[in-house]
Amino acid sequence: MTEPPPKIRLTTTTRLVLDLFLATGSDDPLWGYRIAEETGLGPGTVYPLLERLEKAGWITGSWETGIPEDRPRRRFYTLSGAGRQEYAALQAARGRGQLPRWGWAPGGAQR
């Protein structure tokens, strides 16, 4: 049995990270440490959020090709089409005062 995708809550932290994805071009990849630095969030906050967003299908991750000599390989993240749609739906629901307190499941289903 497969585990259902995690629900995504539109917290300030989630909005900071998703807004960074929207503000960053596809030719300018994001990775965990960069996201932490640009949002001011700690890695203990950023990495679990990235994992939830990736499991929910909102972002996709891929490992950097090649092995850099001076640092560990980076895992690059991009906002998926589904993530872009889900975030827009959340923002619209929030603007109408219809955002559920308990979270948002992929596909726009409220839980």
PDB file of N, CA and C in Angstrom:
ATOM      1  N   MET A   1       0.844  -1.180   0.000  1.00  0.00           N
ATOM      2  CA  MET A   1       0.000   0.000   0.000  1.00  0.00           C
ATOM      3  C   MET A   1       0.887   1.241   0.000  1.00  0.00           C
ATOM      4  N   THR A   2       0.574   2.175  -0.883  1.00  0.00           N
ATOM      5  CA  THR A   2       1.368   3.392  -0.954  1.00  0.00           C
ATOM      6  C   THR A   2       0.834   4.426   0.015  1.00  0.00           C
ATOM      7  N   GLU A   3       1.735   5.195   0.503  1.00  0.00           N
ATOM      8  CA  GLU A   3       1.392   6.251   1.457  1.00  0.00           C
ATOM      9  C   GLU A   3       0.798   7.438   0.710  1.00  0.00           C
ATOM     10  N   PRO A   4      -0.286   8.029   1.213  1.00  0.00           N
ATOM     11  CA  PRO A   4      -0.861   9.194   0.524  1.00  0.00           C
ATOM     12  C   PRO A   4       0.110  10.369   0.588  1.00  0.00           C
ATOM     13  N   PRO A   5       0.055  11.253  -0.414  1.00  0.00           N
ATOM     14  CA  PRO A   5       0.933  12.416  -0.381  1.00  0.00           C
ATOM     15  C   PRO A   5       0.649  13.258   0.858  1.00  0.00           C
ATOM     16  N   PRO A   6       1.664  13.891   1.414  1.00  0.00           N
ATOM     17  CA  PRO A   6       1.431  14.718   2.601  1.00  0.00           C
ATOM     18  C   PRO A   6       0.593  15.940   2.256  1.00  0.00           C
ATOM     19  N   LYS A   7      -0.181  16.392   3.238  1.00  0.00           N
ATOM     20  CA  LYS A   7      -0.935  17.626   3.024  1.00  0.00           C
ATOM     21  C   LYS A   7       0.035  18.797   3.151  1.00  0.00           C
ATOM     22  N   ILE A   8      -0.248  19.819   2.407  1.00  0.00           N
ATOM     23  CA  ILE A   8       0.596  21.007   2.416  1.00  0.00           C
ATOM     24  C   ILE A   8      -0.191  22.139   3.059  1.00  0.00           C
ATOM     25  N   ARG A   9       0.347  22.650   4.154  1.00  0.00           N
ATOM     26  CA  ARG A   9      -0.279  23.792   4.828  1.00  0.00           C
ATOM     27  C   ARG A   9       0.382  25.068   4.325  1.00  0.00           C
ATOM     28  N   LEU A  10      -0.414  26.075   4.109  1.00  0.00           N
ATOM     29  CA  LEU A  10       0.100  27.343   3.605  1.00  0.00           C
ATOM     30  C   LEU A  10       0.571  28.205   4.773  1.00  0.00           C
ATOM     31  N   THR A  11       1.672  27.786   5.370  1.00  0.00           N
ATOM     32  CA  THR A  11       2.267  28.539   6.467  1.00  0.00           C
ATOM     33  C   THR A  11       3.161  29.640   5.892  1.00  0.00           C
ATOM     34  N   THR A  12       3.601  30.520   6.730  1.00  0.00           N
ATOM     35  CA  THR A  12       4.526  31.562   6.294  1.00  0.00           C
ATOM     36  C   THR A  12       5.790  30.937   5.716  1.00  0.00           C
ATOM     37  N   THR A  13       6.267  29.884   6.346  1.00  0.00           N
ATOM     38  CA  THR A  13       7.462  29.190   5.882  1.00  0.00           C
ATOM     39  C   THR A  13       7.248  28.622   4.488  1.00  0.00           C
ATOM     40  N   THR A  14       6.125  27.947   4.283  1.00  0.00           N
ATOM     41  CA  THR A  14       5.827  27.361   2.979  1.00  0.00           C
ATOM     42  C   THR A  14       5.721  28.451   1.918  1.00  0.00           C
ATOM     43  N   ARG A  15       5.063  29.547   2.253  1.00  0.00           N
ATOM     44  CA  ARG A  15       4.923  30.656   1.299  1.00  0.00           C
ATOM     45  C   ARG A  15       6.276  31.264   0.951  1.00  0.00           C
ATOM     46  N   LEU A  16       7.152  31.430   1.934  1.00  0.00           N
ATOM     47  CA  LEU A  16       8.488  31.974   1.662  1.00  0.00           C
ATOM     48  C   LEU A  16       9.228  31.116   0.646  1.00  0.00           C
ATOM     49  N   VAL A  17       9.184  29.811   0.849  1.00  0.00           N
ATOM     50  CA  VAL A  17       9.906  28.888  -0.036  1.00  0.00           C
ATOM     51  C   VAL A  17       9.263  28.861  -1.419  1.00  0.00           C
ATOM     52  N   LEU A  18       7.941  28.747  -1.487  1.00  0.00           N
ATOM     53  CA  LEU A  18       7.274  28.693  -2.792  1.00  0.00           C
ATOM     54  C   LEU A  18       7.416  30.017  -3.539  1.00  0.00           C
ATOM     55  N   ASP A  19       7.375  31.135  -2.830  1.00  0.00           N
ATOM     56  CA  ASP A  19       7.580  32.434  -3.480  1.00  0.00           C
ATOM     57  C   ASP A  19       8.990  32.531  -4.068  1.00  0.00           C
ATOM     58  N   LEU A  20       9.964  31.952  -3.393  1.00  0.00           N
ATOM     59  CA  LEU A  20      11.332  31.945  -3.924  1.00  0.00           C
ATOM     60  C   LEU A  20      11.380  31.139  -5.216  1.00  0.00           C
ATOM     61  N   PHE A  21      10.690  29.990  -5.251  1.00  0.00           N
ATOM     62  CA  PHE A  21      10.633  29.208  -6.486  1.00  0.00           C
ATOM     63  C   PHE A  21      10.029  30.034  -7.618  1.00  0.00           C
ATOM     64  N   LEU A  22       8.955  30.767  -7.325  1.00  0.00           N
ATOM     65  CA  LEU A  22       8.299  31.571  -8.359  1.00  0.00           C
ATOM     66  C   LEU A  22       9.183  32.725  -8.836  1.00  0.00           C
ATOM     67  N   ALA A  23      10.023  33.240  -7.947  1.00  0.00           N
ATOM     68  CA  ALA A  23      10.877  34.378  -8.282  1.00  0.00           C
ATOM     69  C   ALA A  23      12.176  33.980  -8.968  1.00  0.00           C
ATOM     70  N   THR A  24      12.459  32.686  -9.000  1.00  0.00           N
ATOM     71  CA  THR A  24      13.722  32.203  -9.548  1.00  0.00           C
ATOM     72  C   THR A  24      13.477  31.569 -10.905  1.00  0.00           C
ATOM     73  N   GLY A  25      14.272  31.925 -11.867  1.00  0.00           N
ATOM     74  CA  GLY A  25      14.133  31.375 -13.212  1.00  0.00           C
ATOM     75  C   GLY A  25      14.613  29.936 -13.303  1.00  0.00           C
ATOM     76  N   SER A  26      14.191  29.249 -14.339  1.00  0.00           N
ATOM     77  CA  SER A  26      14.564  27.843 -14.509  1.00  0.00           C
ATOM     78  C   SER A  26      16.061  27.687 -14.777  1.00  0.00           C
ATOM     79  N   ASP A  27      16.720  28.743 -15.226  1.00  0.00           N
ATOM     80  CA  ASP A  27      18.159  28.691 -15.473  1.00  0.00           C
ATOM     81  C   ASP A  27      18.979  29.027 -14.225  1.00  0.00           C
ATOM     82  N   ASP A  28      18.301  29.230 -13.112  1.00  0.00           N
ATOM     83  CA  ASP A  28      18.951  29.581 -11.847  1.00  0.00           C
ATOM     84  C   ASP A  28      18.477  28.597 -10.775  1.00  0.00           C
ATOM     85  N   PRO A  29      19.076  27.404 -10.714  1.00  0.00           N
ATOM     86  CA  PRO A  29      18.542  26.346  -9.856  1.00  0.00           C
ATOM     87  C   PRO A  29      18.627  26.655  -8.364  1.00  0.00           C
ATOM     88  N   LEU A  30      17.707  26.066  -7.627  1.00  0.00           N
ATOM     89  CA  LEU A  30      17.681  26.197  -6.169  1.00  0.00           C
ATOM     90  C   LEU A  30      18.099  24.884  -5.539  1.00  0.00           C
ATOM     91  N   TRP A  31      18.804  24.970  -4.423  1.00  0.00           N
ATOM     92  CA  TRP A  31      19.151  23.799  -3.620  1.00  0.00           C
ATOM     93  C   TRP A  31      18.919  24.180  -2.168  1.00  0.00           C
ATOM     94  N   GLY A  32      18.902  23.206  -1.297  1.00  0.00           N
ATOM     95  CA  GLY A  32      18.505  23.413   0.088  1.00  0.00           C
ATOM     96  C   GLY A  32      19.234  24.537   0.806  1.00  0.00           C
ATOM     97  N   TYR A  33      20.546  24.536   0.755  1.00  0.00           N
ATOM     98  CA  TYR A  33      21.306  25.558   1.481  1.00  0.00           C
ATOM     99  C   TYR A  33      21.028  26.952   0.931  1.00  0.00           C
ATOM    100  N   ARG A  34      20.924  27.057  -0.385  1.00  0.00           N
ATOM    101  CA  ARG A  34      20.615  28.358  -0.992  1.00  0.00           C
ATOM    102  C   ARG A  34      19.230  28.828  -0.558  1.00  0.00           C
ATOM    103  N   ILE A  35      18.267  27.920  -0.529  1.00  0.00           N
ATOM    104  CA  ILE A  35      16.913  28.269  -0.091  1.00  0.00           C
ATOM    105  C   ILE A  35      16.949  28.762   1.355  1.00  0.00           C
ATOM    106  N   ALA A  36      17.708  28.066   2.202  1.00  0.00           N
ATOM    107  CA  ALA A  36      17.824  28.475   3.605  1.00  0.00           C
ATOM    108  C   ALA A  36      18.420  29.877   3.709  1.00  0.00           C
ATOM    109  N   GLU A  37      19.469  30.129   2.951  1.00  0.00           N
ATOM    110  CA  GLU A  37      20.112  31.442   3.002  1.00  0.00           C
ATOM    111  C   GLU A  37      19.200  32.557   2.491  1.00  0.00           C
ATOM    112  N   GLU A  38      18.517  32.312   1.386  1.00  0.00           N
ATOM    113  CA  GLU A  38      17.709  33.380   0.771  1.00  0.00           C
ATOM    114  C   GLU A  38      16.405  33.638   1.518  1.00  0.00           C
ATOM    115  N   THR A  39      15.896  32.641   2.230  1.00  0.00           N
ATOM    116  CA  THR A  39      14.658  32.842   2.984  1.00  0.00           C
ATOM    117  C   THR A  39      14.913  33.197   4.439  1.00  0.00           C
ATOM    118  N   GLY A  40      16.137  32.961   4.924  1.00  0.00           N
ATOM    119  CA  GLY A  40      16.446  33.206   6.327  1.00  0.00           C
ATOM    120  C   GLY A  40      15.966  32.081   7.238  1.00  0.00           C
ATOM    121  N   LEU A  41      15.534  30.972   6.647  1.00  0.00           N
ATOM    122  CA  LEU A  41      15.068  29.819   7.430  1.00  0.00           C
ATOM    123  C   LEU A  41      16.230  28.879   7.702  1.00  0.00           C
ATOM    124  N   GLY A  42      16.139  28.151   8.780  1.00  0.00           N
ATOM    125  CA  GLY A  42      17.178  27.191   9.120  1.00  0.00           C
ATOM    126  C   GLY A  42      17.057  25.912   8.303  1.00  0.00           C
ATOM    127  N   PRO A  43      18.162  25.190   8.160  1.00  0.00           N
ATOM    128  CA  PRO A  43      18.122  23.939   7.404  1.00  0.00           C
ATOM    129  C   PRO A  43      17.177  22.900   8.020  1.00  0.00           C
ATOM    130  N   GLY A  44      16.995  22.938   9.328  1.00  0.00           N
ATOM    131  CA  GLY A  44      16.070  22.018   9.985  1.00  0.00           C
ATOM    132  C   GLY A  44      14.619  22.297   9.642  1.00  0.00           C
ATOM    133  N   THR A  45      14.355  23.464   9.097  1.00  0.00           N
ATOM    134  CA  THR A  45      13.022  23.830   8.620  1.00  0.00           C
ATOM    135  C   THR A  45      12.911  23.582   7.120  1.00  0.00           C
ATOM    136  N   VAL A  46      13.947  23.976   6.376  1.00  0.00           N
ATOM    137  CA  VAL A  46      13.911  23.918   4.916  1.00  0.00           C
ATOM    138  C   VAL A  46      13.881  22.484   4.395  1.00  0.00           C
ATOM    139  N   TYR A  47      14.796  21.638   4.861  1.00  0.00           N
ATOM    140  CA  TYR A  47      14.899  20.292   4.278  1.00  0.00           C
ATOM    141  C   TYR A  47      13.655  19.433   4.510  1.00  0.00           C
ATOM    142  N   PRO A  48      13.049  19.420   5.696  1.00  0.00           N
ATOM    143  CA  PRO A  48      11.790  18.665   5.839  1.00  0.00           C
ATOM    144  C   PRO A  48      10.673  19.222   4.946  1.00  0.00           C
ATOM    145  N   LEU A  49      10.615  20.547   4.778  1.00  0.00           N
ATOM    146  CA  LEU A  49       9.609  21.142   3.910  1.00  0.00           C
ATOM    147  C   LEU A  49       9.842  20.723   2.466  1.00  0.00           C
ATOM    148  N   LEU A  50      11.090  20.752   2.014  1.00  0.00           N
ATOM    149  CA  LEU A  50      11.396  20.316   0.650  1.00  0.00           C
ATOM    150  C   LEU A  50      10.994  18.856   0.445  1.00  0.00           C
ATOM    151  N   GLU A  51      11.225  18.028   1.439  1.00  0.00           N
ATOM    152  CA  GLU A  51      10.840  16.619   1.346  1.00  0.00           C
ATOM    153  C   GLU A  51       9.320  16.476   1.214  1.00  0.00           C
ATOM    154  N   ARG A  52       8.567  17.218   2.027  1.00  0.00           N
ATOM    155  CA  ARG A  52       7.095  17.165   1.935  1.00  0.00           C
ATOM    156  C   ARG A  52       6.604  17.666   0.582  1.00  0.00           C
ATOM    157  N   LEU A  53       7.168  18.776   0.109  1.00  0.00           N
ATOM    158  CA  LEU A  53       6.756  19.325  -1.178  1.00  0.00           C
ATOM    159  C   LEU A  53       7.077  18.365  -2.320  1.00  0.00           C
ATOM    160  N   GLU A  54       8.213  17.694  -2.217  1.00  0.00           N
ATOM    161  CA  GLU A  54       8.586  16.738  -3.265  1.00  0.00           C
ATOM    162  C   GLU A  54       7.676  15.508  -3.227  1.00  0.00           C
ATOM    163  N   LYS A  55       7.381  15.002  -2.043  1.00  0.00           N
ATOM    164  CA  LYS A  55       6.477  13.851  -1.930  1.00  0.00           C
ATOM    165  C   LYS A  55       5.075  14.185  -2.418  1.00  0.00           C
ATOM    166  N   ALA A  56       4.654  15.429  -2.238  1.00  0.00           N
ATOM    167  CA  ALA A  56       3.330  15.860  -2.689  1.00  0.00           C
ATOM    168  C   ALA A  56       3.306  16.159  -4.189  1.00  0.00           C
ATOM    169  N   GLY A  57       4.475  16.197  -4.820  1.00  0.00           N
ATOM    170  CA  GLY A  57       4.545  16.459  -6.254  1.00  0.00           C
ATOM    171  C   GLY A  57       4.588  17.936  -6.615  1.00  0.00           C
ATOM    172  N   TRP A  58       4.760  18.793  -5.625  1.00  0.00           N
ATOM    173  CA  TRP A  58       4.797  20.236  -5.879  1.00  0.00           C
ATOM    174  C   TRP A  58       6.140  20.671  -6.443  1.00  0.00           C
ATOM    175  N   ILE A  59       7.208  19.978  -6.075  1.00  0.00           N
ATOM    176  CA  ILE A  59       8.537  20.271  -6.601  1.00  0.00           C
ATOM    177  C   ILE A  59       9.164  18.951  -7.058  1.00  0.00           C
ATOM    178  N   THR A  60      10.158  19.067  -7.915  1.00  0.00           N
ATOM    179  CA  THR A  60      10.922  17.886  -8.320  1.00  0.00           C
ATOM    180  C   THR A  60      12.379  18.148  -7.983  1.00  0.00           C
ATOM    181  N   GLY A  61      13.063  17.100  -7.596  1.00  0.00           N
ATOM    182  CA  GLY A  61      14.464  17.211  -7.239  1.00  0.00           C
ATOM    183  C   GLY A  61      15.316  16.316  -8.117  1.00  0.00           C
ATOM    184  N   SER A  62      16.519  16.761  -8.398  1.00  0.00           N
ATOM    185  CA  SER A  62      17.475  15.951  -9.152  1.00  0.00           C
ATOM    186  C   SER A  62      18.878  16.285  -8.653  1.00  0.00           C
ATOM    187  N   TRP A  63      19.716  15.264  -8.653  1.00  0.00           N
ATOM    188  CA  TRP A  63      21.076  15.469  -8.175  1.00  0.00           C
ATOM    189  C   TRP A  63      21.928  16.136  -9.244  1.00  0.00           C
ATOM    190  N   GLU A  64      22.787  16.992  -8.804  1.00  0.00           N
ATOM    191  CA  GLU A  64      23.756  17.655  -9.659  1.00  0.00           C
ATOM    192  C   GLU A  64      24.603  16.585 -10.349  1.00  0.00           C
ATOM    193  N   THR A  65      24.866  16.787 -11.627  1.00  0.00           N
ATOM    194  CA  THR A  65      25.716  15.830 -12.331  1.00  0.00           C
ATOM    195  C   THR A  65      27.175  16.151 -12.050  1.00  0.00           C
ATOM    196  N   GLY A  66      27.963  15.114 -12.002  1.00  0.00           N
ATOM    197  CA  GLY A  66      29.375  15.288 -11.679  1.00  0.00           C
ATOM    198  C   GLY A  66      29.581  15.408 -10.186  1.00  0.00           C
ATOM    199  N   ILE A  67      30.815  15.270  -9.773  1.00  0.00           N
ATOM    200  CA  ILE A  67      31.141  15.360  -8.351  1.00  0.00           C
ATOM    201  C   ILE A  67      32.098  16.530  -8.154  1.00  0.00           C
ATOM    202  N   PRO A  68      31.603  17.609  -7.560  1.00  0.00           N
ATOM    203  CA  PRO A  68      32.486  18.759  -7.322  1.00  0.00           C
ATOM    204  C   PRO A  68      33.618  18.380  -6.371  1.00  0.00           C
ATOM    205  N   GLU A  69      34.771  18.958  -6.593  1.00  0.00           N
ATOM    206  CA  GLU A  69      35.928  18.647  -5.759  1.00  0.00           C
ATOM    207  C   GLU A  69      35.902  19.354  -4.416  1.00  0.00           C
ATOM    208  N   ASP A  70      35.268  20.527  -4.365  1.00  0.00           N
ATOM    209  CA  ASP A  70      35.371  21.363  -3.178  1.00  0.00           C
ATOM    210  C   ASP A  70      34.125  21.373  -2.287  1.00  0.00           C
ATOM    211  N   ARG A  71      33.093  20.581  -2.638  1.00  0.00           N
ATOM    212  CA  ARG A  71      31.865  20.564  -1.841  1.00  0.00           C
ATOM    213  C   ARG A  71      31.059  19.319  -2.183  1.00  0.00           C
ATOM    214  N   PRO A  72      30.082  18.994  -1.350  1.00  0.00           N
ATOM    215  CA  PRO A  72      29.197  17.866  -1.674  1.00  0.00           C
ATOM    216  C   PRO A  72      28.315  18.192  -2.884  1.00  0.00           C
ATOM    217  N   ARG A  73      27.839  17.154  -3.557  1.00  0.00           N
ATOM    218  CA  ARG A  73      26.891  17.358  -4.657  1.00  0.00           C
ATOM    219  C   ARG A  73      25.626  18.020  -4.140  1.00  0.00           C
ATOM    220  N   ARG A  74      25.013  18.820  -4.975  1.00  0.00           N
ATOM    221  CA  ARG A  74      23.770  19.506  -4.599  1.00  0.00           C
ATOM    222  C   ARG A  74      22.567  18.784  -5.202  1.00  0.00           C
ATOM    223  N   ARG A  75      21.458  18.867  -4.500  1.00  0.00           N
ATOM    224  CA  ARG A  75      20.193  18.386  -5.035  1.00  0.00           C
ATOM    225  C   ARG A  75      19.417  19.630  -5.460  1.00  0.00           C
ATOM    226  N   PHE A  76      19.195  19.751  -6.768  1.00  0.00           N
ATOM    227  CA  PHE A  76      18.491  20.907  -7.318  1.00  0.00           C
ATOM    228  C   PHE A  76      16.994  20.642  -7.310  1.00  0.00           C
ATOM    229  N   TYR A  77      16.224  21.681  -7.026  1.00  0.00           N
ATOM    230  CA  TYR A  77      14.771  21.583  -6.966  1.00  0.00           C
ATOM    231  C   TYR A  77      14.138  22.570  -7.929  1.00  0.00           C
ATOM    232  N   THR A  78      13.045  22.143  -8.555  1.00  0.00           N
ATOM    233  CA  THR A  78      12.263  23.024  -9.410  1.00  0.00           C
ATOM    234  C   THR A  78      10.788  22.874  -9.046  1.00  0.00           C
ATOM    235  N   LEU A  79      10.054  23.934  -9.231  1.00  0.00           N
ATOM    236  CA  LEU A  79       8.617  23.920  -8.986  1.00  0.00           C
ATOM    237  C   LEU A  79       7.957  23.200 -10.157  1.00  0.00           C
ATOM    238  N   SER A  80       7.151  22.195  -9.855  1.00  0.00           N
ATOM    239  CA  SER A  80       6.469  21.444 -10.911  1.00  0.00           C
ATOM    240  C   SER A  80       5.245  22.217 -11.395  1.00  0.00           C
ATOM    241  N   GLY A  81       4.707  21.818 -12.539  1.00  0.00           N
ATOM    242  CA  GLY A  81       3.481  22.429 -13.040  1.00  0.00           C
ATOM    243  C   GLY A  81       2.343  22.242 -12.055  1.00  0.00           C
ATOM    244  N   ALA A  82       2.258  21.043 -11.477  1.00  0.00           N
ATOM    245  CA  ALA A  82       1.219  20.765 -10.477  1.00  0.00           C
ATOM    246  C   ALA A  82       1.416  21.651  -9.249  1.00  0.00           C
ATOM    247  N   GLY A  83       2.668  21.828  -8.824  1.00  0.00           N
ATOM    248  CA  GLY A  83       2.950  22.685  -7.673  1.00  0.00           C
ATOM    249  C   GLY A  83       2.556  24.121  -7.924  1.00  0.00           C
ATOM    250  N   ARG A  84       2.824  24.584  -9.132  1.00  0.00           N
ATOM    251  CA  ARG A  84       2.460  25.951  -9.511  1.00  0.00           C
ATOM    252  C   ARG A  84       0.938  26.118  -9.458  1.00  0.00           C
ATOM    253  N   GLN A  85       0.201  25.130  -9.979  1.00  0.00           N
ATOM    254  CA  GLN A  85      -1.266  25.181  -9.974  1.00  0.00           C
ATOM    255  C   GLN A  85      -1.823  25.102  -8.557  1.00  0.00           C
ATOM    256  N   GLU A  86      -1.284  24.181  -7.749  1.00  0.00           N
ATOM    257  CA  GLU A  86      -1.775  24.000  -6.380  1.00  0.00           C
ATOM    258  C   GLU A  86      -1.528  25.255  -5.554  1.00  0.00           C
ATOM    259  N   TYR A  87      -0.346  25.848  -5.714  1.00  0.00           N
ATOM    260  CA  TYR A  87      -0.031  27.055  -4.952  1.00  0.00           C
ATOM    261  C   TYR A  87      -0.937  28.206  -5.374  1.00  0.00           C
ATOM    262  N   ALA A  88      -1.185  28.343  -6.672  1.00  0.00           N
ATOM    263  CA  ALA A  88      -2.097  29.388  -7.147  1.00  0.00           C
ATOM    264  C   ALA A  88      -3.496  29.171  -6.574  1.00  0.00           C
ATOM    265  N   ALA A  89      -3.947  27.906  -6.519  1.00  0.00           N
ATOM    266  CA  ALA A  89      -5.268  27.607  -5.954  1.00  0.00           C
ATOM    267  C   ALA A  89      -5.319  27.949  -4.467  1.00  0.00           C
ATOM    268  N   LEU A  90      -4.243  27.639  -3.759  1.00  0.00           N
ATOM    269  CA  LEU A  90      -4.180  27.973  -2.331  1.00  0.00           C
ATOM    270  C   LEU A  90      -4.224  29.479  -2.118  1.00  0.00           C
ATOM    271  N   GLN A  91      -3.475  30.200  -2.928  1.00  0.00           N
ATOM    272  CA  GLN A  91      -3.456  31.658  -2.795  1.00  0.00           C
ATOM    273  C   GLN A  91      -4.839  32.241  -3.092  1.00  0.00           C
ATOM    274  N   ALA A  92      -5.504  31.704  -4.107  1.00  0.00           N
ATOM    275  CA  ALA A  92      -6.842  32.187  -4.450  1.00  0.00           C
ATOM    276  C   ALA A  92      -7.826  31.883  -3.320  1.00  0.00           C
ATOM    277  N   ALA A  93      -7.759  30.678  -2.769  1.00  0.00           N
ATOM    278  CA  ALA A  93      -8.647  30.301  -1.668  1.00  0.00           C
ATOM    279  C   ALA A  93      -8.366  31.169  -0.448  1.00  0.00           C
ATOM    280  N   ARG A  94      -7.117  31.448  -0.210  1.00  0.00           N
ATOM    281  CA  ARG A  94      -6.737  32.300   0.930  1.00  0.00           C
ATOM    282  C   ARG A  94      -7.288  33.708   0.734  1.00  0.00           C
ATOM    283  N   GLY A  95      -7.222  34.215  -0.495  1.00  0.00           N
ATOM    284  CA  GLY A  95      -7.730  35.548  -0.790  1.00  0.00           C
ATOM    285  C   GLY A  95      -9.234  35.645  -0.617  1.00  0.00           C
ATOM    286  N   ARG A  96      -9.929  34.541  -0.828  1.00  0.00           N
ATOM    287  CA  ARG A  96     -11.384  34.522  -0.660  1.00  0.00           C
ATOM    288  C   ARG A  96     -11.786  34.143   0.758  1.00  0.00           C
ATOM    289  N   GLY A  97     -10.801  33.891   1.627  1.00  0.00           N
ATOM    290  CA  GLY A  97     -11.109  33.510   3.003  1.00  0.00           C
ATOM    291  C   GLY A  97     -11.636  32.090   3.122  1.00  0.00           C
ATOM    292  N   GLN A  98     -11.320  31.242   2.143  1.00  0.00           N
ATOM    293  CA  GLN A  98     -11.823  29.875   2.139  1.00  0.00           C
ATOM    294  C   GLN A  98     -10.754  28.840   2.431  1.00  0.00           C
ATOM    295  N   LEU A  99      -9.593  29.250   2.866  1.00  0.00           N
ATOM    296  CA  LEU A  99      -8.519  28.307   3.133  1.00  0.00           C
ATOM    297  C   LEU A  99      -8.834  27.508   4.383  1.00  0.00           C
ATOM    298  N   PRO A 100      -8.864  26.189   4.290  1.00  0.00           N
ATOM    299  CA  PRO A 100      -9.155  25.377   5.468  1.00  0.00           C
ATOM    300  C   PRO A 100      -8.010  25.461   6.470  1.00  0.00           C
ATOM    301  N   ARG A 101      -8.349  25.384   7.741  1.00  0.00           N
ATOM    302  CA  ARG A 101      -7.324  25.446   8.791  1.00  0.00           C
ATOM    303  C   ARG A 101      -6.474  24.195   8.816  1.00  0.00           C
ATOM    304  N   TRP A 102      -7.001  23.079   8.375  1.00  0.00           N
ATOM    305  CA  TRP A 102      -6.327  21.796   8.575  1.00  0.00           C
ATOM    306  C   TRP A 102      -5.451  21.356   7.426  1.00  0.00           C
ATOM    307  N   GLY A 103      -5.371  22.084   6.341  1.00  0.00           N
ATOM    308  CA  GLY A 103      -4.427  21.756   5.278  1.00  0.00           C
ATOM    309  C   GLY A 103      -5.067  21.530   3.937  1.00  0.00           C
ATOM    310  N   TRP A 104      -4.239  21.285   2.974  1.00  0.00           N
ATOM    311  CA  TRP A 104      -4.641  21.172   1.579  1.00  0.00           C
ATOM    312  C   TRP A 104      -3.970  19.946   1.013  1.00  0.00           C
ATOM    313  N   ALA A 105      -4.741  19.070   0.423  1.00  0.00           N
ATOM    314  CA  ALA A 105      -4.202  17.855  -0.179  1.00  0.00           C
ATOM    315  C   ALA A 105      -3.952  18.115  -1.661  1.00  0.00           C
ATOM    316  N   PRO A 106      -3.027  17.374  -2.288  1.00  0.00           N
ATOM    317  CA  PRO A 106      -2.812  17.529  -3.715  1.00  0.00           C
ATOM    318  C   PRO A 106      -4.119  17.374  -4.473  1.00  0.00           C
ATOM    319  N   GLY A 107      -4.290  18.156  -5.528  1.00  0.00           N
ATOM    320  CA  GLY A 107      -5.507  18.121  -6.314  1.00  0.00           C
ATOM    321  C   GLY A 107      -6.566  19.074  -5.794  1.00  0.00           C
ATOM    322  N   GLY A 108      -6.238  19.833  -4.760  1.00  0.00           N
ATOM    323  CA  GLY A 108      -7.155  20.822  -4.242  1.00  0.00           C
ATOM    324  C   GLY A 108      -8.189  20.286  -3.265  1.00  0.00           C
ATOM    325  N   ALA A 109      -8.099  19.015  -2.901  1.00  0.00           N
ATOM    326  CA  ALA A 109      -9.062  18.459  -1.946  1.00  0.00           C
ATOM    327  C   ALA A 109      -8.736  18.968  -0.544  1.00  0.00           C
ATOM    328  N   GLN A 110      -9.751  19.429   0.146  1.00  0.00           N
ATOM    329  CA  GLN A 110      -9.535  19.909   1.515  1.00  0.00           C
ATOM    330  C   GLN A 110      -9.591  18.729   2.466  1.00  0.00           C
ATOM    331  N   ARG A 111      -8.717  18.787   3.472  1.00  0.00           N
ATOM    332  CA  ARG A 111      -8.718  17.764   4.526  1.00  0.00           C
ATOM    333  C   ARG A 111      -8.889  18.428   5.855  1.00  0.00           C
TER     334      ARG A 111
END
